[in-house]
């Protein structure tokens, strides 16, 4: 990019920052009634290549908004401007006010900091949402304001494995994921931010890997929607499937923040009855109807043959 183009690009970003500042104090101004303009500016300010150091934003804020509203806060203004951009259907909060933010995207990413810091390697074994549900596990909405990406596995120890298939007391609680048209871009930029900075924790990347494990086909998306843990307006379920099946391509995950929850789920799925049901579902998915028909015919033939031999022998 030529120097002149870089200057024009920098000026454009500064104008968008000025728009964000004015948006926080200019409520009722007709210029902010243009939803498309505001939405485009929000998306633009969350692109990794458009980030401005947070200390520069602080200086600009003190020279402008702070002179009009002495009690105003830059963090509050950023919250207000981006409040509808959260990937989770909940209000984004910063639980640790001592965090020094690099820029707006880093400020955004810190809102997904989990309470638990236990982490490990990404599991090699994966279970799709339909496989997990078929093994007697329900998906429920997890609403934890202090940890937006928290996932919990709950199993009642006194419920036997076979009985649990019917009473379905075992559940996986995951946050309600809200996928809008802006979500794919936001997810990619948050993941890119976590990849580019060595000291960053992989909060969002871990969640994306988890969803990639759970979502294999459009049936998994439909199940999560019915379970009210997934909302989307992308149109077809295949669009959501493609999003999560491709978003982690080429991404290196250093720390997986759901190691313990996945270990508990894996232990449950390896029990006798859940493992049988998961194996049958995988066989059903990987086997064509023609093959299934042949297998069924062979079973019927074998049963008939045994019955005939038994009848002749007794006769």
Protein backbone atom coordinates (compact mmCIF):
# COMPACT_ATOMS: atom_id res chain seq x y z
CA UNK A 1 0.00 0.00 0.00
CA UNK A 2 1.39 3.41 -1.00
CA UNK A 3 2.13 6.04 1.65
CA UNK A 4 -0.71 8.24 0.41
CA UNK A 5 -3.15 5.34 0.64
CA UNK A 6 -1.98 4.60 4.19
CA UNK A 7 -2.60 8.22 5.16
CA UNK A 8 -6.11 8.13 3.69
CA UNK A 9 -6.79 4.83 5.48
CA UNK A 10 -5.61 6.26 8.81
CA UNK A 11 -7.77 9.35 8.37
CA UNK A 12 -10.79 7.17 7.59
CA UNK A 13 -10.28 5.13 10.76
CA UNK A 14 -9.91 8.32 12.84
CA UNK A 15 -13.18 9.60 11.38
CA UNK A 16 -14.84 6.34 12.41
CA UNK A 17 -13.42 6.74 15.93
CA UNK A 18 -14.86 10.27 16.01
CA UNK A 19 -18.21 8.80 14.94
CA UNK A 20 -18.01 6.34 17.85
CA UNK A 21 -17.25 9.18 20.30
CA UNK A 22 -20.13 11.27 19.00
CA UNK A 23 -22.44 8.24 19.05
CA UNK A 24 -21.94 7.98 22.79
CA UNK A 25 -22.96 11.57 23.49
CA UNK A 26 -25.17 12.45 20.52
CA UNK A 27 -28.24 10.36 21.23
CA UNK A 28 -31.19 11.64 19.21
CA UNK A 29 -28.99 13.05 16.45
CA UNK A 30 -30.51 12.05 13.05
CA UNK A 31 -27.09 11.09 11.70
CA UNK A 32 -27.06 8.07 14.01
CA UNK A 33 -30.44 6.81 12.79
CA UNK A 34 -28.70 5.29 9.77
CA UNK A 35 -28.34 1.73 11.03
CA UNK A 36 -26.32 0.53 8.03
CA UNK A 37 -23.65 3.22 8.45
CA UNK A 38 -23.33 2.52 12.17
CA UNK A 39 -23.16 -1.22 11.57
CA UNK A 40 -20.45 -0.86 8.91
CA UNK A 41 -18.37 1.35 11.20
CA UNK A 42 -18.65 -1.15 14.04
CA UNK A 43 -17.45 -3.95 11.78
CA UNK A 44 -14.63 -1.81 10.46
CA UNK A 45 -13.35 -0.82 13.91
CA UNK A 46 -13.22 -4.49 14.93
CA UNK A 47 -10.99 -5.56 12.04
CA UNK A 48 -7.52 -6.54 13.23
CA UNK A 49 -5.77 -4.37 10.64
CA UNK A 50 -7.73 -1.28 11.75
CA UNK A 51 -6.79 -1.31 15.41
CA UNK A 52 -5.61 1.89 17.06
CA UNK A 53 -3.56 1.64 20.28
CA UNK A 54 -5.85 2.13 23.25
CA UNK A 55 -3.66 4.83 24.80
CA UNK A 56 -4.15 6.95 21.66
CA UNK A 57 -7.91 6.50 21.98
CA UNK A 58 -7.59 7.65 25.60
CA UNK A 59 -5.77 10.80 24.52
CA UNK A 60 -8.34 11.58 21.82
CA UNK A 61 -11.14 10.87 24.28
CA UNK A 62 -9.73 13.29 26.86
CA UNK A 63 -9.32 16.00 24.22
CA UNK A 64 -12.89 15.66 22.96
CA UNK A 65 -15.63 13.88 24.90
CA UNK A 66 -14.04 14.42 28.32
CA UNK A 67 -14.17 18.19 27.84
CA UNK A 68 -17.92 18.00 27.29
CA UNK A 69 -18.78 15.27 29.79
CA UNK A 70 -16.24 15.23 32.60
CA UNK A 71 -17.69 12.03 34.11
CA UNK A 72 -17.58 10.10 30.81
CA UNK A 73 -15.58 6.88 30.54
CA UNK A 74 -13.95 5.51 27.39
CA UNK A 75 -14.61 1.90 28.42
CA UNK A 76 -18.29 2.69 29.03
CA UNK A 77 -18.50 4.39 25.65
CA UNK A 78 -16.92 1.39 23.88
CA UNK A 79 -19.36 -0.91 25.70
CA UNK A 80 -22.30 1.22 24.61
CA UNK A 81 -21.20 1.40 20.98
CA UNK A 82 -20.49 -2.33 20.56
CA UNK A 83 -23.12 -3.76 22.90
CA UNK A 84 -25.01 -5.53 20.09
CA UNK A 85 -21.88 -7.14 18.61
CA UNK A 86 -21.49 -9.86 21.24
CA UNK A 87 -21.22 -13.42 19.88
CA UNK A 88 -23.04 -14.62 23.01
CA UNK A 89 -26.65 -13.68 23.68
CA UNK A 90 -25.71 -11.86 26.87
CA UNK A 91 -24.22 -8.54 27.89
CA UNK A 92 -20.46 -8.31 27.45
CA UNK A 93 -18.71 -7.37 30.67
CA UNK A 94 -15.12 -6.83 31.74
CA UNK A 95 -14.68 -8.58 35.08
CA UNK A 96 -11.09 -7.43 35.64
CA UNK A 97 -10.77 -3.66 35.46
CA UNK A 98 -6.99 -3.85 35.94
CA UNK A 99 -6.47 -5.28 32.46
CA UNK A 100 -4.52 -2.97 30.18
CA UNK A 101 -6.08 -3.12 26.74
CA UNK A 102 -3.98 -2.94 23.59
CA UNK A 103 -6.86 -1.71 21.44
CA UNK A 104 -10.61 -2.11 20.91
CA UNK A 105 -10.38 -5.70 19.68
CA UNK A 106 -8.25 -6.64 22.69
CA UNK A 107 -10.73 -4.87 24.94
CA UNK A 108 -13.49 -6.94 23.34
CA UNK A 109 -11.56 -10.21 23.70
CA UNK A 110 -10.91 -9.66 27.41
CA UNK A 111 -14.67 -9.81 28.00
CA UNK A 112 -14.56 -13.54 27.21
CA UNK A 113 -11.97 -14.31 29.88
CA UNK A 114 -13.08 -17.48 31.72
CA UNK A 115 -13.14 -17.78 35.48
CA UNK A 116 -11.40 -21.15 35.37
CA UNK A 117 -7.84 -21.07 34.04
CA UNK A 118 -7.34 -24.84 33.77
CA UNK A 119 -6.40 -25.72 30.24
CA UNK A 120 -4.79 -28.49 28.21
CA UNK A 121 -4.50 -29.93 24.74
CA UNK A 122 -7.32 -30.17 22.24
CA UNK A 123 -8.93 -33.64 22.47
CA UNK A 124 -8.39 -36.00 19.56
CA UNK A 125 -11.79 -37.67 20.02
CA UNK A 126 -14.85 -35.67 19.05
CA UNK A 127 -18.58 -36.18 19.47
CA UNK A 128 -21.16 -34.31 17.45
CA UNK A 129 -24.20 -32.75 19.10
CA UNK A 130 -26.54 -35.39 17.64
CA UNK A 131 -24.30 -38.21 18.88
CA UNK A 132 -24.19 -36.72 22.37
CA UNK A 133 -27.96 -36.21 22.42
CA UNK A 134 -28.50 -39.75 21.15
CA UNK A 135 -26.47 -41.01 24.10
CA UNK A 136 -28.95 -39.48 26.54
CA UNK A 137 -27.42 -36.02 27.08
CA UNK A 138 -29.44 -32.82 26.88
CA UNK A 139 -28.13 -29.44 25.80
CA UNK A 140 -29.18 -26.55 28.02
CA UNK A 141 -28.50 -22.83 27.98
CA UNK A 142 -25.69 -21.70 30.27
CA UNK A 143 -26.13 -18.12 31.43
CA UNK A 144 -23.14 -17.04 33.48
CA UNK A 145 -22.65 -13.28 33.37
CA UNK A 146 -19.23 -13.54 35.03
CA UNK A 147 -17.89 -15.99 32.43
CA UNK A 148 -19.62 -15.70 29.07
CA UNK A 149 -17.95 -18.71 27.43
CA UNK A 150 -18.38 -21.06 30.40
CA UNK A 151 -19.36 -24.66 29.56
CA UNK A 152 -20.47 -27.18 32.17
CA UNK A 153 -21.09 -30.93 32.12
CA UNK A 154 -23.59 -32.18 34.68
CA UNK A 155 -24.31 -35.82 35.47
CA UNK A 156 -26.22 -37.23 38.42
CA UNK A 157 -24.03 -40.02 39.76
CA UNK A 158 -26.92 -42.01 41.21
CA UNK A 159 -28.66 -42.40 37.82
CA UNK A 160 -27.47 -45.60 36.07
CA UNK A 161 -26.30 -45.32 32.46
CA UNK A 162 -29.24 -47.19 30.88
CA UNK A 163 -31.84 -45.38 33.03
CA UNK A 164 -30.29 -42.02 32.11
CA UNK A 165 -31.12 -42.66 28.44
CA UNK A 166 -34.78 -42.29 29.39
CA UNK A 167 -34.76 -39.77 32.26
CA UNK A 168 -32.06 -37.65 30.51
CA UNK A 169 -30.71 -36.01 33.64
CA UNK A 170 -27.22 -35.64 32.17
CA UNK A 171 -26.71 -32.34 30.38
CA UNK A 172 -24.16 -30.09 28.77
CA UNK A 173 -24.66 -26.41 29.52
CA UNK A 174 -23.23 -24.08 26.92
CA UNK A 175 -23.69 -20.34 26.39
CA UNK A 176 -26.38 -19.20 23.99
CA UNK A 177 -24.51 -18.45 20.78
CA UNK A 178 -26.04 -15.64 18.74
CA UNK A 179 -24.90 -15.74 15.12
CA UNK A 180 -25.67 -12.63 13.09
CA UNK A 181 -24.31 -11.49 9.75
CA UNK A 182 -21.45 -9.75 11.56
CA UNK A 183 -20.52 -12.79 13.68
CA UNK A 184 -18.26 -14.62 11.16
CA UNK A 185 -16.08 -11.53 10.69
CA UNK A 186 -15.93 -10.84 14.44
CA UNK A 187 -15.02 -14.46 15.26
CA UNK A 188 -12.27 -14.54 12.64
CA UNK A 189 -10.74 -11.29 13.87
CA UNK A 190 -10.86 -12.35 17.53
CA UNK A 191 -9.19 -15.66 16.63
CA UNK A 192 -6.60 -13.85 14.49
CA UNK A 193 -5.90 -11.48 17.40
CA UNK A 194 -5.34 -14.42 19.76
CA UNK A 195 -3.03 -16.03 17.19
CA UNK A 196 -0.95 -12.92 16.51
CA UNK A 197 -0.06 -11.90 20.06
CA UNK A 198 2.10 -14.48 21.93
CA UNK A 199 0.85 -13.47 25.38
CA UNK A 200 -2.83 -13.80 24.47
CA UNK A 201 -4.91 -16.61 25.91
CA UNK A 202 -6.97 -18.60 23.43
CA UNK A 203 -10.42 -18.02 24.94
CA UNK A 204 -12.39 -17.47 21.74
CA UNK A 205 -10.27 -19.93 19.76
CA UNK A 206 -11.03 -22.65 22.33
CA UNK A 207 -14.75 -21.97 22.04
CA UNK A 208 -14.56 -22.08 18.23
CA UNK A 209 -12.77 -25.45 18.40
CA UNK A 210 -15.43 -26.72 20.81
CA UNK A 211 -18.25 -25.68 18.48
CA UNK A 212 -16.40 -27.27 15.55
CA UNK A 213 -16.38 -30.52 17.54
CA UNK A 214 -20.12 -30.30 18.27
CA UNK A 215 -21.26 -29.18 14.81
CA UNK A 216 -20.59 -31.69 12.06
CA UNK A 217 -23.74 -31.49 9.92
CA UNK A 218 -26.86 -29.36 9.60
CA UNK A 219 -28.64 -31.83 11.90
CA UNK A 220 -26.33 -30.75 14.72
CA UNK A 221 -27.22 -27.11 14.07
CA UNK A 222 -30.95 -27.92 14.09
CA UNK A 223 -30.56 -29.80 17.38
CA UNK A 224 -28.75 -26.90 19.06
CA UNK A 225 -31.39 -24.47 17.78
CA UNK A 226 -34.18 -26.66 19.20
CA UNK A 227 -32.26 -26.84 22.48
CA UNK A 228 -32.23 -23.01 22.52
CA UNK A 229 -28.45 -22.77 22.81
CA UNK A 230 -27.98 -21.47 19.28
CA UNK A 231 -29.64 -18.58 17.48
CA UNK A 232 -28.79 -17.54 13.93
CA UNK A 233 -30.10 -15.48 11.05
CA UNK A 234 -27.71 -16.72 8.38
CA UNK A 235 -30.55 -18.43 6.55
CA UNK A 236 -29.78 -22.12 6.09
CA UNK A 237 -28.34 -24.41 8.75
CA UNK A 238 -25.63 -25.38 6.25
CA UNK A 239 -24.23 -21.83 6.51
CA UNK A 240 -23.68 -22.27 10.25
CA UNK A 241 -22.18 -25.72 9.66
CA UNK A 242 -19.74 -24.34 7.09
CA UNK A 243 -18.81 -21.47 9.40
CA UNK A 244 -17.63 -23.68 12.24
CA UNK A 245 -16.22 -26.46 10.05
CA UNK A 246 -13.91 -23.96 8.33
CA UNK A 247 -13.19 -21.21 10.85
CA UNK A 248 -10.41 -23.14 12.60
CA UNK A 249 -8.61 -24.21 9.42
CA UNK A 250 -4.93 -23.35 9.76
CA UNK A 251 -5.40 -22.15 13.35
CA UNK A 252 -2.98 -23.31 16.05
CA UNK A 253 -4.59 -23.87 19.45
CA UNK A 254 -2.04 -23.55 22.24
CA UNK A 255 -4.43 -23.86 25.18
CA UNK A 256 -7.84 -25.57 25.20
CA UNK A 257 -9.98 -24.16 28.02
CA UNK A 258 -12.56 -26.95 28.05
CA UNK A 259 -10.25 -29.88 28.81
CA UNK A 260 -11.98 -30.87 32.05
CA UNK A 261 -15.51 -30.59 30.66
CA UNK A 262 -14.57 -32.64 27.59
CA UNK A 263 -12.87 -35.27 29.78
CA UNK A 264 -16.08 -35.67 31.80
CA UNK A 265 -18.14 -35.92 28.62
CA UNK A 266 -15.72 -38.46 27.15
CA UNK A 267 -15.94 -40.61 30.30
CA UNK A 268 -19.72 -40.61 30.03
CA UNK A 269 -19.70 -41.43 26.31
CA UNK A 270 -17.34 -44.36 26.94
CA UNK A 271 -19.82 -46.02 29.28
CA UNK A 272 -21.41 -49.18 27.88
CA UNK A 273 -24.82 -47.97 26.66
CA UNK A 274 -23.80 -44.46 25.52
CA UNK A 275 -20.86 -45.91 23.56
CA UNK A 276 -23.16 -48.48 21.89
CA UNK A 277 -25.61 -45.77 20.83
CA UNK A 278 -22.86 -43.49 19.52
CA UNK A 279 -21.34 -46.36 17.52
CA UNK A 280 -24.73 -47.21 16.01
CA UNK A 281 -25.34 -43.60 15.04
CA UNK A 282 -21.93 -43.36 13.38
CA UNK A 283 -22.60 -46.60 11.52
CA UNK A 284 -25.95 -45.21 10.38
CA UNK A 285 -24.34 -41.97 9.16
CA UNK A 286 -21.51 -43.69 7.30
CA UNK A 287 -23.53 -46.52 5.78
CA UNK A 288 -25.71 -46.15 2.70
CA UNK A 289 -29.28 -47.41 2.64
CA UNK A 290 -28.26 -50.07 0.11
CA UNK A 291 -25.63 -51.44 2.48
CA UNK A 292 -28.07 -51.35 5.38
CA UNK A 293 -30.59 -53.30 3.29
CA UNK A 294 -27.98 -55.96 2.50
CA UNK A 295 -27.00 -56.23 6.17
CA UNK A 296 -30.66 -56.53 7.20
CA UNK A 297 -31.25 -59.22 4.57
CA UNK A 298 -28.22 -61.17 5.78
CA UNK A 299 -29.45 -61.01 9.36
CA UNK A 300 -32.93 -62.21 8.34
CA UNK A 301 -31.37 -65.02 6.27
CA UNK A 302 -29.16 -66.08 9.19
CA UNK A 303 -32.09 -66.08 11.63
CA UNK A 304 -34.23 -68.06 9.16
CA UNK A 305 -31.42 -70.58 8.60
CA UNK A 306 -30.89 -71.10 12.33
CA UNK A 307 -34.63 -71.49 12.84
CA UNK A 308 -34.85 -74.04 9.99
CA UNK A 309 -31.91 -76.08 11.32
CA UNK A 310 -33.41 -76.00 14.80
CA UNK A 311 -36.79 -77.18 13.45
CA UNK A 312 -35.25 -80.01 11.40
CA UNK A 313 -33.07 -81.10 14.30
CA UNK A 314 -36.02 -81.27 16.69
CA UNK A 315 -38.14 -82.98 14.10
